[in-house]
C-alpha atoms as a PDB file:
ATOM      1  CA  UNK A   1      13.431   6.117  10.006  1.00  0.00           C
ATOM      2  CA  UNK A   2      13.250   2.348   9.147  1.00  0.00           C
ATOM      3  CA  UNK A   3      13.396  -0.663  11.544  1.00  0.00           C
ATOM      4  CA  UNK A   4      17.542  -0.606  11.013  1.00  0.00           C
ATOM      5  CA  UNK A   5      18.240   2.745  12.165  1.00  0.00           C
ATOM      6  CA  UNK A   6      15.378   2.769  14.847  1.00  0.00           C
ATOM      7  CA  UNK A   7      17.116  -0.177  16.822  1.00  0.00           C
ATOM      8  CA  UNK A   8      20.785   1.270  16.316  1.00  0.00           C
ATOM      9  CA  UNK A   9      18.876   4.356  17.549  1.00  0.00           C
ATOM     10  CA  UNK A  10      17.504   2.637  20.330  1.00  0.00           C
ATOM     11  CA  UNK A  11      21.131   0.544  20.960  1.00  0.00           C
ATOM     12  CA  UNK A  12      22.595   3.949  21.688  1.00  0.00           C
ATOM     13  CA  UNK A  13      19.966   5.209  24.018  1.00  0.00           C
ATOM     14  CA  UNK A  14      20.346   2.080  26.023  1.00  0.00           C
ATOM     15  CA  UNK A  15      23.809   2.117  26.282  1.00  0.00           C
ATOM     16  CA  UNK A  16      23.827   5.710  27.574  1.00  0.00           C
ATOM     17  CA  UNK A  17      20.973   4.636  30.015  1.00  0.00           C
ATOM     18  CA  UNK A  18      22.756   1.701  30.973  1.00  0.00           C
ATOM     19  CA  UNK A  19      19.790  -0.633  30.217  1.00  0.00           C
ATOM     20  CA  UNK A  20      21.643  -3.533  30.082  1.00  0.00           C
ATOM     21  CA  UNK A  21      18.922  -5.984  29.802  1.00  0.00           C
ATOM     22  CA  UNK A  22      16.992  -3.711  26.594  1.00  0.00           C
ATOM     23  CA  UNK A  23      20.909  -3.290  25.071  1.00  0.00           C
ATOM     24  CA  UNK A  24      21.238  -7.107  25.117  1.00  0.00           C
ATOM     25  CA  UNK A  25      17.972  -7.663  23.459  1.00  0.00           C
ATOM     26  CA  UNK A  26      18.527  -5.001  21.132  1.00  0.00           C
ATOM     27  CA  UNK A  27      22.287  -6.472  20.195  1.00  0.00           C
ATOM     28  CA  UNK A  28      20.320 -10.267  19.746  1.00  0.00           C
ATOM     29  CA  UNK A  29      17.876  -8.529  17.505  1.00  0.00           C
ATOM     30  CA  UNK A  30      20.621  -6.923  15.145  1.00  0.00           C
ATOM     31  CA  UNK A  31      22.656  -9.586  14.966  1.00  0.00           C
ATOM     32  CA  UNK A  32      19.882 -11.808  13.512  1.00  0.00           C
ATOM     33  CA  UNK A  33      19.201  -9.593  11.471  1.00  0.00           C
ATOM     34  CA  UNK A  34      22.910  -9.516  10.301  1.00  0.00           C
ATOM     35  CA  UNK A  35      22.621 -12.794  10.169  1.00  0.00           C
ATOM     36  CA  UNK A  36      20.073 -12.798   7.738  1.00  0.00           C
ATOM     37  CA  UNK A  37      21.410 -10.025   5.530  1.00  0.00           C
ATOM     38  CA  UNK A  38      24.963 -12.481   5.354  1.00  0.00           C
ATOM     39  CA  UNK A  39      22.924 -15.394   4.599  1.00  0.00           C
ATOM     40  CA  UNK A  40      20.925 -13.327   2.154  1.00  0.00           C
ATOM     41  CA  UNK A  41      24.509 -11.476   0.767  1.00  0.00           C
ATOM     42  CA  UNK A  42      22.152  -7.996   0.513  1.00  0.00           C
ATOM     43  CA  UNK A  43      20.552  -5.454   2.977  1.00  0.00           C
ATOM     44  CA  UNK A  44      17.123  -6.741   4.174  1.00  0.00           C
ATOM     45  CA  UNK A  45      13.875  -4.691   3.110  1.00  0.00           C
ATOM     46  CA  UNK A  46      11.791  -3.316   5.825  1.00  0.00           C
ATOM     47  CA  UNK A  47       9.579  -6.519   5.774  1.00  0.00           C
ATOM     48  CA  UNK A  48      12.020  -8.656   5.901  1.00  0.00           C
ATOM     49  CA  UNK A  49      13.413  -6.946   8.594  1.00  0.00           C
ATOM     50  CA  UNK A  50       9.817  -7.555  10.342  1.00  0.00           C
ATOM     51  CA  UNK A  51      10.332 -11.254   9.309  1.00  0.00           C
ATOM     52  CA  UNK A  52      13.014 -11.742  11.293  1.00  0.00           C
ATOM     53  CA  UNK A  53      11.944 -10.031  14.417  1.00  0.00           C
ATOM     54  CA  UNK A  54       8.465 -12.053  14.070  1.00  0.00           C
ATOM     55  CA  UNK A  55      10.769 -14.856  13.981  1.00  0.00           C
ATOM     56  CA  UNK A  56      12.378 -14.133  17.332  1.00  0.00           C
ATOM     57  CA  UNK A  57       8.736 -13.298  19.148  1.00  0.00           C
ATOM     58  CA  UNK A  58       7.735 -16.819  18.220  1.00  0.00           C
ATOM     59  CA  UNK A  59      10.789 -18.323  19.377  1.00  0.00           C
ATOM     60  CA  UNK A  60       9.896 -16.162  22.605  1.00  0.00           C
ATOM     61  CA  UNK A  61       6.215 -17.252  23.175  1.00  0.00           C
ATOM     62  CA  UNK A  62       7.506 -20.362  22.502  1.00  0.00           C
ATOM     63  CA  UNK A  63       9.589 -20.783  25.297  1.00  0.00           C
ATOM     64  CA  UNK A  64       7.178 -19.194  27.611  1.00  0.00           C
ATOM     65  CA  UNK A  65       5.720 -22.131  27.423  1.00  0.00           C
ATOM     66  CA  UNK A  66       8.051 -24.259  27.885  1.00  0.00           C
ATOM     67  CA  UNK A  67       9.655 -22.389  31.165  1.00  0.00           C
ATOM     68  CA  UNK A  68       6.300 -22.055  32.387  1.00  0.00           C
ATOM     69  CA  UNK A  69       5.920 -26.118  32.368  1.00  0.00           C
ATOM     70  CA  UNK A  70       9.534 -26.458  34.035  1.00  0.00           C
ATOM     71  CA  UNK A  71       8.228 -23.742  36.896  1.00  0.00           C
ATOM     72  CA  UNK A  72      10.950 -20.970  35.877  1.00  0.00           C
ATOM     73  CA  UNK A  73       9.137 -17.441  37.094  1.00  0.00           C
ATOM     74  CA  UNK A  74      12.194 -15.801  36.984  1.00  0.00           C
ATOM     75  CA  UNK A  75      13.083 -16.347  33.547  1.00  0.00           C
ATOM     76  CA  UNK A  76       9.143 -15.990  32.819  1.00  0.00           C
ATOM     77  CA  UNK A  77       9.386 -12.431  33.724  1.00  0.00           C
ATOM     78  CA  UNK A  78      12.567 -11.954  31.624  1.00  0.00           C
ATOM     79  CA  UNK A  79      11.243 -13.414  28.612  1.00  0.00           C
ATOM     80  CA  UNK A  80       8.003 -11.540  29.357  1.00  0.00           C
ATOM     81  CA  UNK A  81      10.130  -8.328  29.266  1.00  0.00           C
ATOM     82  CA  UNK A  82      12.315  -9.345  25.909  1.00  0.00           C
ATOM     83  CA  UNK A  83       8.380 -10.249  24.180  1.00  0.00           C
ATOM     84  CA  UNK A  84       7.795  -6.613  25.033  1.00  0.00           C
ATOM     85  CA  UNK A  85      10.487  -5.314  23.803  1.00  0.00           C
ATOM     86  CA  UNK A  86      10.576  -7.045  20.440  1.00  0.00           C
ATOM     87  CA  UNK A  87       7.027  -6.173  20.050  1.00  0.00           C
ATOM     88  CA  UNK A  88       7.658  -2.497  19.985  1.00  0.00           C
ATOM     89  CA  UNK A  89       9.247  -2.483  16.836  1.00  0.00           C
ATOM     90  CA  UNK A  90       6.515  -4.665  15.041  1.00  0.00           C
ATOM     91  CA  UNK A  91       4.032  -3.519  12.947  1.00  0.00           C
ATOM     92  CA  UNK A  92       0.240  -3.561  15.154  1.00  0.00           C
ATOM     93  CA  UNK A  93      -0.994  -6.747  14.513  1.00  0.00           C
ATOM     94  CA  UNK A  94      -4.774  -7.052  13.042  1.00  0.00           C
ATOM     95  CA  UNK A  95      -8.217  -7.726  15.427  1.00  0.00           C
ATOM     96  CA  UNK A  96      -9.273 -11.032  14.508  1.00  0.00           C
ATOM     97  CA  UNK A  97     -12.484  -9.191  12.537  1.00  0.00           C
ATOM     98  CA  UNK A  98     -10.324  -7.282  10.180  1.00  0.00           C
ATOM     99  CA  UNK A  99      -8.536 -10.546   9.464  1.00  0.00           C
ATOM    100  CA  UNK A 100     -11.843 -12.242   9.181  1.00  0.00           C
ATOM    101  CA  UNK A 101     -12.946  -9.850   6.611  1.00  0.00           C
ATOM    102  CA  UNK A 102     -10.024 -10.398   4.368  1.00  0.00           C
ATOM    103  CA  UNK A 103     -10.174 -13.503   4.346  1.00  0.00           C
ATOM    104  CA  UNK A 104     -14.285 -13.417   3.287  1.00  0.00           C
ATOM    105  CA  UNK A 105     -12.799 -11.093   0.386  1.00  0.00           C
ATOM    106  CA  UNK A 106     -10.534 -13.498  -0.391  1.00  0.00           C
ATOM    107  CA  UNK A 107     -12.591 -16.367  -0.275  1.00  0.00           C
ATOM    108  CA  UNK A 108     -15.411 -14.697  -2.545  1.00  0.00           C
ATOM    109  CA  UNK A 109     -12.931 -13.829  -4.922  1.00  0.00           C
ATOM    110  CA  UNK A 110     -11.406 -17.076  -4.976  1.00  0.00           C
ATOM    111  CA  UNK A 111     -14.680 -19.039  -5.351  1.00  0.00           C
ATOM    112  CA  UNK A 112     -13.447 -20.969  -2.408  1.00  0.00           C
ATOM    113  CA  UNK A 113     -16.655 -23.433  -0.706  1.00  0.00           C
ATOM    114  CA  UNK A 114     -14.558 -26.065   1.186  1.00  0.00           C
ATOM    115  CA  UNK A 115     -11.589 -27.137   3.064  1.00  0.00           C
ATOM    116  CA  UNK A 116     -10.333 -28.462   0.524  1.00  0.00           C
ATOM    117  CA  UNK A 117      -9.535 -24.618  -0.856  1.00  0.00           C
ATOM    118  CA  UNK A 118      -7.783 -23.944   2.008  1.00  0.00           C
ATOM    119  CA  UNK A 119      -4.114 -24.083   0.930  1.00  0.00           C
ATOM    120  CA  UNK A 120      -5.243 -21.886  -2.274  1.00  0.00           C
ATOM    121  CA  UNK A 121      -7.182 -19.320  -0.271  1.00  0.00           C
ATOM    122  CA  UNK A 122      -4.266 -19.498   2.752  1.00  0.00           C
ATOM    123  CA  UNK A 123      -1.627 -19.302  -0.451  1.00  0.00           C
ATOM    124  CA  UNK A 124      -3.457 -16.146  -1.928  1.00  0.00           C
ATOM    125  CA  UNK A 125      -4.078 -14.684   2.010  1.00  0.00           C
ATOM    126  CA  UNK A 126      -0.954 -14.775   3.817  1.00  0.00           C
ATOM    127  CA  UNK A 127       1.367 -12.406   1.567  1.00  0.00           C
ATOM    128  CA  UNK A 128      -0.950  -9.851   2.200  1.00  0.00           C
ATOM    129  CA  UNK A 129      -1.339 -10.388   5.775  1.00  0.00           C
ATOM    130  CA  UNK A 130       3.003 -11.183   6.467  1.00  0.00           C
ATOM    131  CA  UNK A 131       3.831  -9.525   9.407  1.00  0.00           C
ATOM    132  CA  UNK A 132       0.282  -8.633  10.596  1.00  0.00           C
ATOM    133  CA  UNK A 133      -1.509 -11.528  11.480  1.00  0.00           C
ATOM    134  CA  UNK A 134       0.159 -14.664  13.307  1.00  0.00           C
ATOM    135  CA  UNK A 135      -0.827 -17.668  10.545  1.00  0.00           C
ATOM    136  CA  UNK A 136      -2.378 -19.841  13.113  1.00  0.00           C
ATOM    137  CA  UNK A 137      -4.797 -17.288  13.748  1.00  0.00           C
ATOM    138  CA  UNK A 138      -5.592 -17.069  10.160  1.00  0.00           C
ATOM    139  CA  UNK A 139      -5.065 -20.795   9.481  1.00  0.00           C
ATOM    140  CA  UNK A 140      -7.788 -20.612  13.214  1.00  0.00           C
ATOM    141  CA  UNK A 141     -10.729 -18.799  10.980  1.00  0.00           C
ATOM    142  CA  UNK A 142     -10.256 -19.536   7.497  1.00  0.00           C
ATOM    143  CA  UNK A 143     -11.152 -23.255   8.803  1.00  0.00           C
ATOM    144  CA  UNK A 144     -13.712 -21.504  10.908  1.00  0.00           C
ATOM    145  CA  UNK A 145     -15.281 -20.087   7.565  1.00  0.00           C
ATOM    146  CA  UNK A 146     -14.560 -23.069   5.262  1.00  0.00           C
ATOM    147  CA  UNK A 147     -16.746 -25.410   7.472  1.00  0.00           C
END
């Protein structure tokens, strides 16, 4: 079952269970996926749906920082619940060691030796890591390895 079908089934389950919070989050995710399909003018592939879900997760993580600064504990809890729900639909993230190993292979394969080669290495590995690792973490590890 694909992500789109999974979201539909989970929406039905949330409706039957009268879980309004989960239902609202799932409806929002389905809405974002539909908006992306409308913009693309074709149905989204699984990888594209994962990208939409990652974008929504990132928005919430960014808002989490703002709510902490504003001292809004009630909104923080809701946001953390949303993050948990969205994370449940995403593929598992790679560990730092796995990312480090992929980057080492790319550096060796491309013959990269300095920070000047960072763009070339990032361009090579990000399609492989898309949806499996955050770009900021990949960049951090790459900078560490290209010192």
